[in-house]
Amino acid sequence: MYILLCGYPPFYSKHSLPISPGMKTKIRTGEYRFPEEDWCMVSDEAKNLIQAMLTVEPEKRPNIETILKSSWLSEFTTHPNTPLNTSRILMEELEQWDDIEAAICETNKYNRMPSDEKIDISTSDNGILQRRQERQNNNNKK
């Protein structure tokens, strides 16, 4: 919940390490902050709930029922009727898929070489291929 509200974890490591000794100490002691520049718009109720959830002693932390009944979560019993466009967008993409697939097939046909067309590699300007051919010719002469 801390990360959802500010965008970074309450405990983090320095020096790009997955976990540092300083980070372990902060976790064990429950040392974290709510920096004003990132938390000024977050309510005290939300901060209080996070503090309770980050309590060091597990037996003193609230259980899920208590969390769900917290004043911060329980005050929001309704949500705005925001129309989501996700299903419409997915349906439009699905309807267009046949056209997209046909265009991909046409492009692939155009880019493929006919199977009966052979490339003459004897006149290739590839230095590696030329040295290989010279070695083969020298081996055949022996």
Protein backbone atom coordinates (compact mmCIF):
# COMPACT_ATOMS: atom_id res chain seq x y z
CA MET A 1 0.00 0.00 0.00
CA TYR A 2 2.94 2.32 0.74
CA ILE A 3 4.23 1.80 -2.81
CA LEU A 4 0.79 2.35 -4.33
CA LEU A 5 0.47 5.72 -2.61
CA CYS A 6 3.93 7.17 -3.28
CA GLY A 7 5.59 5.01 -5.95
CA TYR A 8 8.53 3.59 -4.00
CA PRO A 9 8.99 1.15 -1.09
CA PRO A 10 9.30 2.19 2.55
CA PHE A 11 12.62 0.35 2.82
CA TYR A 12 15.13 0.45 0.02
CA SER A 13 18.75 -0.42 -0.51
CA LYS A 14 21.53 1.94 -1.43
CA HIS A 15 24.30 1.19 -3.89
CA SER A 16 21.96 -0.76 -6.23
CA LEU A 17 22.10 -3.88 -4.07
CA PRO A 18 18.99 -6.08 -3.74
CA ILE A 19 19.25 -5.75 0.04
CA SER A 20 21.90 -3.97 2.08
CA PRO A 21 22.81 -4.18 5.78
CA GLY A 22 21.33 -0.71 6.31
CA MET A 23 18.08 -1.81 4.71
CA LYS A 24 17.89 -4.89 6.96
CA THR A 25 18.37 -2.68 10.00
CA LYS A 26 15.62 -0.30 8.89
CA ILE A 27 13.23 -3.22 8.36
CA ARG A 28 14.05 -4.73 11.77
CA THR A 29 13.61 -1.42 13.57
CA GLY A 30 10.65 -0.21 11.50
CA GLU A 31 12.51 2.90 10.39
CA TYR A 32 10.73 4.57 7.48
CA ARG A 33 9.43 8.03 6.66
CA PHE A 34 6.60 9.77 4.87
CA PRO A 35 8.52 12.47 2.95
CA GLU A 36 6.33 15.56 2.74
CA GLU A 37 6.93 16.18 -0.97
CA ASP A 38 5.51 12.73 -1.82
CA TRP A 39 2.95 12.35 0.97
CA CYS A 40 1.42 15.84 1.25
CA MET A 41 -1.74 14.75 -0.60
CA VAL A 42 -2.17 11.50 1.36
CA SER A 43 -4.62 11.59 4.27
CA ASP A 44 -3.65 10.99 7.88
CA GLU A 45 -6.02 7.99 7.93
CA ALA A 46 -4.04 6.36 5.12
CA LYS A 47 -0.73 7.08 6.83
CA ASN A 48 -2.06 5.67 10.13
CA LEU A 49 -3.16 2.48 8.39
CA ILE A 50 0.25 2.08 6.73
CA GLN A 51 2.00 2.66 10.07
CA ALA A 52 -0.13 -0.08 11.62
CA MET A 53 0.61 -2.44 8.73
CA LEU A 54 4.37 -1.77 9.00
CA THR A 55 4.50 -2.51 12.73
CA VAL A 56 7.64 -4.51 13.47
CA GLU A 57 6.02 -7.12 15.73
CA PRO A 58 3.80 -9.33 13.54
CA GLU A 59 1.36 -10.08 16.36
CA LYS A 60 0.67 -6.34 16.74
CA ARG A 61 -0.07 -5.82 13.03
CA PRO A 62 -3.73 -5.60 11.98
CA ASN A 63 -5.26 -8.59 10.22
CA ILE A 64 -7.06 -8.25 6.90
CA GLU A 65 -10.48 -7.85 8.52
CA THR A 66 -9.21 -4.94 10.61
CA ILE A 67 -7.54 -3.37 7.58
CA LEU A 68 -10.73 -3.59 5.52
CA LYS A 69 -12.69 -1.96 8.37
CA SER A 70 -10.19 0.89 8.75
CA SER A 71 -11.61 4.40 8.51
CA TRP A 72 -9.56 5.15 5.42
CA LEU A 73 -10.80 2.15 3.41
CA SER A 74 -14.35 2.00 4.75
CA GLU A 75 -15.15 5.64 3.97
CA PHE A 76 -14.95 4.88 0.27
CA THR A 77 -17.94 2.60 -0.18
CA THR A 78 -18.86 3.97 -3.60
CA HIS A 79 -16.82 4.58 -6.68
CA PRO A 80 -17.38 6.96 -9.56
CA ASN A 81 -19.22 5.59 -12.56
CA THR A 82 -16.21 5.80 -14.85
CA PRO A 83 -16.78 4.04 -18.15
CA LEU A 84 -13.92 1.76 -19.06
CA ASN A 85 -12.97 1.55 -22.71
CA THR A 86 -10.93 -1.62 -22.36
CA SER A 87 -13.56 -4.08 -23.60
CA ARG A 88 -14.49 -1.87 -26.57
CA ILE A 89 -10.84 -1.46 -27.58
CA LEU A 90 -10.21 -5.20 -27.30
CA MET A 91 -13.26 -5.97 -29.46
CA GLU A 92 -12.16 -3.47 -32.13
CA GLU A 93 -8.71 -5.06 -32.22
CA LEU A 94 -10.24 -8.53 -32.48
CA GLU A 95 -12.48 -7.44 -35.37
CA GLN A 96 -9.48 -6.00 -37.22
CA TRP A 97 -7.29 -9.05 -36.65
CA ASP A 98 -8.35 -10.81 -39.89
CA ASP A 99 -7.27 -7.78 -41.93
CA ILE A 100 -3.98 -7.55 -40.03
CA GLU A 101 -3.27 -11.25 -40.51
CA ALA A 102 -4.00 -11.01 -44.26
CA ALA A 103 -1.65 -8.02 -44.59
CA ILE A 104 1.11 -9.92 -42.76
CA CYS A 105 0.68 -12.94 -45.08
CA GLU A 106 0.86 -10.71 -48.18
CA THR A 107 4.00 -9.02 -46.92
CA ASN A 108 5.62 -12.37 -46.15
CA LYS A 109 4.74 -13.67 -49.65
CA TYR A 110 6.34 -10.62 -51.20
CA ASN A 111 9.50 -10.95 -49.10
CA ARG A 112 10.00 -14.68 -49.73
CA MET A 113 12.15 -15.83 -52.58
CA PRO A 114 10.60 -18.27 -54.99
CA SER A 115 11.75 -21.77 -54.11
CA ASP A 116 12.95 -22.46 -57.66
CA GLU A 117 15.14 -19.35 -57.80
CA LYS A 118 18.75 -20.14 -57.00
CA ILE A 119 21.45 -17.66 -56.16
CA ASP A 120 24.82 -18.08 -57.84
CA ILE A 121 27.28 -17.84 -55.00
CA SER A 122 30.31 -18.51 -57.17
CA THR A 123 30.50 -14.80 -57.99
CA SER A 124 29.97 -13.68 -54.42
CA ASP A 125 32.02 -10.79 -53.04
CA ASN A 126 32.05 -12.43 -49.62
CA GLY A 127 35.71 -12.76 -48.55
CA ILE A 128 35.06 -15.63 -46.17
CA LEU A 129 33.22 -17.58 -48.85
CA GLN A 130 35.99 -16.90 -51.39
CA ARG A 131 38.69 -18.21 -49.01
CA ARG A 132 36.61 -21.31 -48.31
CA GLN A 133 36.20 -21.95 -52.03
CA GLU A 134 39.96 -21.48 -52.59
CA ARG A 135 40.71 -24.02 -49.84
CA GLN A 136 38.27 -26.49 -51.37
CA ASN A 137 39.82 -26.00 -54.81
CA ASN A 138 43.34 -26.52 -53.38
CA ASN A 139 42.21 -29.66 -51.55
CA ASN A 140 40.62 -31.01 -54.74
CA LYS A 141 43.87 -30.49 -56.69
CA LYS A 142 45.88 -32.59 -54.21
